[in-house]
């Protein structure tokens, strides 16, 4: 089933006209990740360290948010909240995955374009102090189930 993805950044409007995501930024893809440095040689002797959270990246086309994103990156403006929603591309637009970043900053923005592009693309990355993951399973009939939610404070390296 097809997926629609949107990003809402406090203080920056996008061009989405979707009923449930008006003025959000339409995104084409995203990347996020976390790794755990491990030391030791045996399974019983392995120890972990502080989780290493990668910047959260989105890929989007050039739009009304572009000038503000460049400016926010250049001056290091703090963003209270960034939300990314992955929805089924159906009339109901059920959100099955949502990421919420708090105390964020635009850590980079890179534009790419060619004569074959309809519109140039941009990759925007965010550093953040907290991240929350919300997943809602969708059954075969398209009905959402009970949401699963977890959060992490990157600064304190602890849940929440």
C-alpha atoms as a PDB file:
ATOM      1  CA  UNK A   1       0.000   0.000   0.000  1.00  0.00           C
ATOM      2  CA  UNK A   2       1.267   3.474  -0.828  1.00  0.00           C
ATOM      3  CA  UNK A   3       2.439   5.871   1.868  1.00  0.00           C
ATOM      4  CA  UNK A   4       2.241   9.662   2.217  1.00  0.00           C
ATOM      5  CA  UNK A   5       4.727  11.426   4.505  1.00  0.00           C
ATOM      6  CA  UNK A   6       4.585  14.872   6.057  1.00  0.00           C
ATOM      7  CA  UNK A   7       6.756  17.028   8.317  1.00  0.00           C
ATOM      8  CA  UNK A   8       5.630  19.850  10.596  1.00  0.00           C
ATOM      9  CA  UNK A   9       8.280  22.232  11.918  1.00  0.00           C
ATOM     10  CA  UNK A  10       7.340  24.790  14.568  1.00  0.00           C
ATOM     11  CA  UNK A  11       7.546  28.249  12.993  1.00  0.00           C
ATOM     12  CA  UNK A  12       7.859  27.068   9.372  1.00  0.00           C
ATOM     13  CA  UNK A  13       4.942  26.512   6.993  1.00  0.00           C
ATOM     14  CA  UNK A  14       5.023  24.049   4.124  1.00  0.00           C
ATOM     15  CA  UNK A  15       2.779  23.813   1.081  1.00  0.00           C
ATOM     16  CA  UNK A  16       0.752  20.670   1.771  1.00  0.00           C
ATOM     17  CA  UNK A  17      -2.945  20.993   1.016  1.00  0.00           C
ATOM     18  CA  UNK A  18      -3.810  17.606   2.519  1.00  0.00           C
ATOM     19  CA  UNK A  19      -6.890  17.924   4.759  1.00  0.00           C
ATOM     20  CA  UNK A  20      -5.105  16.471   7.793  1.00  0.00           C
ATOM     21  CA  UNK A  21      -1.722  18.078   7.088  1.00  0.00           C
ATOM     22  CA  UNK A  22      -2.446  21.581   5.788  1.00  0.00           C
ATOM     23  CA  UNK A  23       0.704  23.738   5.683  1.00  0.00           C
ATOM     24  CA  UNK A  24       2.907  20.765   6.600  1.00  0.00           C
ATOM     25  CA  UNK A  25       5.906  19.923   4.405  1.00  0.00           C
ATOM     26  CA  UNK A  26       5.401  16.992   2.039  1.00  0.00           C
ATOM     27  CA  UNK A  27       8.423  14.699   2.207  1.00  0.00           C
ATOM     28  CA  UNK A  28       9.654  11.984  -0.150  1.00  0.00           C
ATOM     29  CA  UNK A  29      11.738   9.994   2.330  1.00  0.00           C
ATOM     30  CA  UNK A  30      13.390  10.103   5.732  1.00  0.00           C
ATOM     31  CA  UNK A  31      16.312   8.543   7.566  1.00  0.00           C
ATOM     32  CA  UNK A  32      16.938   8.051  11.245  1.00  0.00           C
ATOM     33  CA  UNK A  33      18.995   5.720  13.349  1.00  0.00           C
ATOM     34  CA  UNK A  34      20.694   4.947  16.598  1.00  0.00           C
ATOM     35  CA  UNK A  35      23.730   2.815  17.316  1.00  0.00           C
ATOM     36  CA  UNK A  36      25.166   1.348  20.487  1.00  0.00           C
ATOM     37  CA  UNK A  37      28.939   1.223  20.976  1.00  0.00           C
ATOM     38  CA  UNK A  38      29.787  -2.198  22.359  1.00  0.00           C
ATOM     39  CA  UNK A  39      32.958  -3.363  24.051  1.00  0.00           C
ATOM     40  CA  UNK A  40      34.007  -6.811  25.177  1.00  0.00           C
ATOM     41  CA  UNK A  41      34.619 -10.087  23.399  1.00  0.00           C
ATOM     42  CA  UNK A  42      32.102 -12.552  24.756  1.00  0.00           C
ATOM     43  CA  UNK A  43      28.346 -12.439  24.744  1.00  0.00           C
ATOM     44  CA  UNK A  44      28.294 -12.537  28.549  1.00  0.00           C
ATOM     45  CA  UNK A  45      31.003  -9.876  28.780  1.00  0.00           C
ATOM     46  CA  UNK A  46      29.669  -7.318  26.332  1.00  0.00           C
ATOM     47  CA  UNK A  47      28.963  -3.867  27.672  1.00  0.00           C
ATOM     48  CA  UNK A  48      27.155  -0.976  26.059  1.00  0.00           C
ATOM     49  CA  UNK A  49      27.848   2.724  26.254  1.00  0.00           C
ATOM     50  CA  UNK A  50      25.956   5.889  25.450  1.00  0.00           C
ATOM     51  CA  UNK A  51      23.561   5.536  22.536  1.00  0.00           C
ATOM     52  CA  UNK A  52      24.688   7.419  19.421  1.00  0.00           C
ATOM     53  CA  UNK A  53      21.696   9.040  17.713  1.00  0.00           C
ATOM     54  CA  UNK A  54      22.180   9.976  14.067  1.00  0.00           C
ATOM     55  CA  UNK A  55      20.701  13.225  12.791  1.00  0.00           C
ATOM     56  CA  UNK A  56      17.119  12.779  11.559  1.00  0.00           C
ATOM     57  CA  UNK A  57      17.008  13.453   7.821  1.00  0.00           C
ATOM     58  CA  UNK A  58      14.171  14.257   5.450  1.00  0.00           C
ATOM     59  CA  UNK A  59      14.197  14.588   1.667  1.00  0.00           C
ATOM     60  CA  UNK A  60      11.731  17.067   0.169  1.00  0.00           C
ATOM     61  CA  UNK A  61      11.324  19.247  -2.883  1.00  0.00           C
ATOM     62  CA  UNK A  62      12.055  22.960  -2.857  1.00  0.00           C
ATOM     63  CA  UNK A  63       9.012  24.756  -1.433  1.00  0.00           C
ATOM     64  CA  UNK A  64       7.903  27.674   0.751  1.00  0.00           C
ATOM     65  CA  UNK A  65       9.845  26.212   3.702  1.00  0.00           C
ATOM     66  CA  UNK A  66      13.178  26.335   1.844  1.00  0.00           C
ATOM     67  CA  UNK A  67      14.258  29.915   2.721  1.00  0.00           C
ATOM     68  CA  UNK A  68      13.398  29.487   6.418  1.00  0.00           C
ATOM     69  CA  UNK A  69      15.170  26.129   6.637  1.00  0.00           C
ATOM     70  CA  UNK A  70      18.356  27.652   5.215  1.00  0.00           C
ATOM     71  CA  UNK A  71      18.089  30.610   7.602  1.00  0.00           C
ATOM     72  CA  UNK A  72      17.387  28.397  10.637  1.00  0.00           C
ATOM     73  CA  UNK A  73      20.462  26.329   9.791  1.00  0.00           C
ATOM     74  CA  UNK A  74      22.664  29.367   9.250  1.00  0.00           C
ATOM     75  CA  UNK A  75      21.785  31.006  12.565  1.00  0.00           C
ATOM     76  CA  UNK A  76      21.346  27.853  14.669  1.00  0.00           C
ATOM     77  CA  UNK A  77      17.749  28.687  15.603  1.00  0.00           C
ATOM     78  CA  UNK A  78      16.257  26.216  18.070  1.00  0.00           C
ATOM     79  CA  UNK A  79      13.006  24.537  17.081  1.00  0.00           C
ATOM     80  CA  UNK A  80      10.752  23.413  19.947  1.00  0.00           C
ATOM     81  CA  UNK A  81       9.172  20.549  17.987  1.00  0.00           C
ATOM     82  CA  UNK A  82       9.441  18.721  14.658  1.00  0.00           C
ATOM     83  CA  UNK A  83       6.851  16.078  13.750  1.00  0.00           C
ATOM     84  CA  UNK A  84       7.114  13.505  10.958  1.00  0.00           C
ATOM     85  CA  UNK A  85       4.032  11.445  10.093  1.00  0.00           C
ATOM     86  CA  UNK A  86       3.838   8.406   7.817  1.00  0.00           C
ATOM     87  CA  UNK A  87       0.262   7.783   6.653  1.00  0.00           C
ATOM     88  CA  UNK A  88      -1.465   5.215   4.519  1.00  0.00           C
ATOM     89  CA  UNK A  89      -2.252   6.893   1.201  1.00  0.00           C
ATOM     90  CA  UNK A  90      -5.966   6.283   1.658  1.00  0.00           C
ATOM     91  CA  UNK A  91      -8.909   8.587   2.229  1.00  0.00           C
ATOM     92  CA  UNK A  92      -8.631   8.092   6.009  1.00  0.00           C
ATOM     93  CA  UNK A  93      -4.877   8.894   6.065  1.00  0.00           C
ATOM     94  CA  UNK A  94      -4.281   6.711   9.142  1.00  0.00           C
ATOM     95  CA  UNK A  95      -0.938   7.621  10.725  1.00  0.00           C
ATOM     96  CA  UNK A  96       0.951   4.392  11.348  1.00  0.00           C
ATOM     97  CA  UNK A  97       4.342   5.889  12.285  1.00  0.00           C
ATOM     98  CA  UNK A  98       5.045   9.227  13.918  1.00  0.00           C
ATOM     99  CA  UNK A  99       8.359  10.691  15.028  1.00  0.00           C
ATOM    100  CA  UNK A 100       8.463  13.701  17.334  1.00  0.00           C
ATOM    101  CA  UNK A 101      11.734  15.579  17.815  1.00  0.00           C
ATOM    102  CA  UNK A 102      12.048  18.117  20.620  1.00  0.00           C
ATOM    103  CA  UNK A 103      14.663  20.822  21.159  1.00  0.00           C
ATOM    104  CA  UNK A 104      15.760  20.450  17.545  1.00  0.00           C
ATOM    105  CA  UNK A 105      18.069  22.389  15.283  1.00  0.00           C
ATOM    106  CA  UNK A 106      18.587  22.228  11.508  1.00  0.00           C
ATOM    107  CA  UNK A 107      22.066  20.719  11.401  1.00  0.00           C
ATOM    108  CA  UNK A 108      22.391  20.722   7.596  1.00  0.00           C
ATOM    109  CA  UNK A 109      20.513  21.409   4.392  1.00  0.00           C
ATOM    110  CA  UNK A 110      21.736  20.334   0.977  1.00  0.00           C
ATOM    111  CA  UNK A 111      19.953  21.066  -2.299  1.00  0.00           C
ATOM    112  CA  UNK A 112      20.358  19.039  -5.479  1.00  0.00           C
ATOM    113  CA  UNK A 113      18.859  19.617  -8.864  1.00  0.00           C
ATOM    114  CA  UNK A 114      19.226  18.758 -12.508  1.00  0.00           C
ATOM    115  CA  UNK A 115      17.547  19.727 -15.750  1.00  0.00           C
ATOM    116  CA  UNK A 116      15.588  16.452 -15.632  1.00  0.00           C
ATOM    117  CA  UNK A 117      14.002  17.222 -12.245  1.00  0.00           C
ATOM    118  CA  UNK A 118      10.465  18.545 -12.034  1.00  0.00           C
ATOM    119  CA  UNK A 119      11.637  20.432  -8.925  1.00  0.00           C
ATOM    120  CA  UNK A 120      15.012  20.340  -7.175  1.00  0.00           C
ATOM    121  CA  UNK A 121      15.281  18.232  -4.015  1.00  0.00           C
ATOM    122  CA  UNK A 122      16.673  19.064  -0.593  1.00  0.00           C
ATOM    123  CA  UNK A 123      17.984  16.888   2.205  1.00  0.00           C
ATOM    124  CA  UNK A 124      17.444  18.478   5.621  1.00  0.00           C
ATOM    125  CA  UNK A 125      18.898  17.004   8.806  1.00  0.00           C
ATOM    126  CA  UNK A 126      17.944  17.758  12.393  1.00  0.00           C
ATOM    127  CA  UNK A 127      19.867  17.300  15.618  1.00  0.00           C
ATOM    128  CA  UNK A 128      17.561  16.940  18.626  1.00  0.00           C
ATOM    129  CA  UNK A 129      17.474  16.636  22.392  1.00  0.00           C
ATOM    130  CA  UNK A 130      14.543  14.217  22.614  1.00  0.00           C
ATOM    131  CA  UNK A 131      12.875  11.789  20.245  1.00  0.00           C
ATOM    132  CA  UNK A 132       9.568   9.966  20.497  1.00  0.00           C
ATOM    133  CA  UNK A 133       8.460   7.032  18.367  1.00  0.00           C
ATOM    134  CA  UNK A 134       4.733   6.276  17.990  1.00  0.00           C
ATOM    135  CA  UNK A 135       3.667   3.238  15.973  1.00  0.00           C
ATOM    136  CA  UNK A 136       0.049   2.286  15.305  1.00  0.00           C
ATOM    137  CA  UNK A 137      -0.540  -1.090  13.665  1.00  0.00           C
ATOM    138  CA  UNK A 138      -3.123  -1.149  10.886  1.00  0.00           C
ATOM    139  CA  UNK A 139      -5.073  -4.381  10.332  1.00  0.00           C
ATOM    140  CA  UNK A 140      -5.971  -5.898   6.946  1.00  0.00           C
ATOM    141  CA  UNK A 141      -9.229  -3.943   6.846  1.00  0.00           C
ATOM    142  CA  UNK A 142      -7.410  -0.624   7.361  1.00  0.00           C
ATOM    143  CA  UNK A 143      -8.523  -0.201  10.968  1.00  0.00           C
ATOM    144  CA  UNK A 144      -5.882   1.195  13.369  1.00  0.00           C
ATOM    145  CA  UNK A 145      -4.991  -0.758  16.511  1.00  0.00           C
ATOM    146  CA  UNK A 146      -3.523   0.290  19.847  1.00  0.00           C
ATOM    147  CA  UNK A 147      -0.572   2.675  19.563  1.00  0.00           C
ATOM    148  CA  UNK A 148       2.884   1.765  20.852  1.00  0.00           C
ATOM    149  CA  UNK A 149       4.929   4.689  22.125  1.00  0.00           C
ATOM    150  CA  UNK A 150       8.525   5.084  23.331  1.00  0.00           C
ATOM    151  CA  UNK A 151      10.716   8.130  23.941  1.00  0.00           C
ATOM    152  CA  UNK A 152      14.377   8.876  24.583  1.00  0.00           C
ATOM    153  CA  UNK A 153      16.173  11.883  26.041  1.00  0.00           C
ATOM    154  CA  UNK A 154      19.357  12.112  23.995  1.00  0.00           C
ATOM    155  CA  UNK A 155      21.013  14.540  26.426  1.00  0.00           C
ATOM    156  CA  UNK A 156      20.595  12.370  29.513  1.00  0.00           C
ATOM    157  CA  UNK A 157      20.764   9.079  27.571  1.00  0.00           C
ATOM    158  CA  UNK A 158      17.631   7.816  29.310  1.00  0.00           C
ATOM    159  CA  UNK A 159      14.027   6.880  28.563  1.00  0.00           C
ATOM    160  CA  UNK A 160      11.613   9.742  28.367  1.00  0.00           C
END
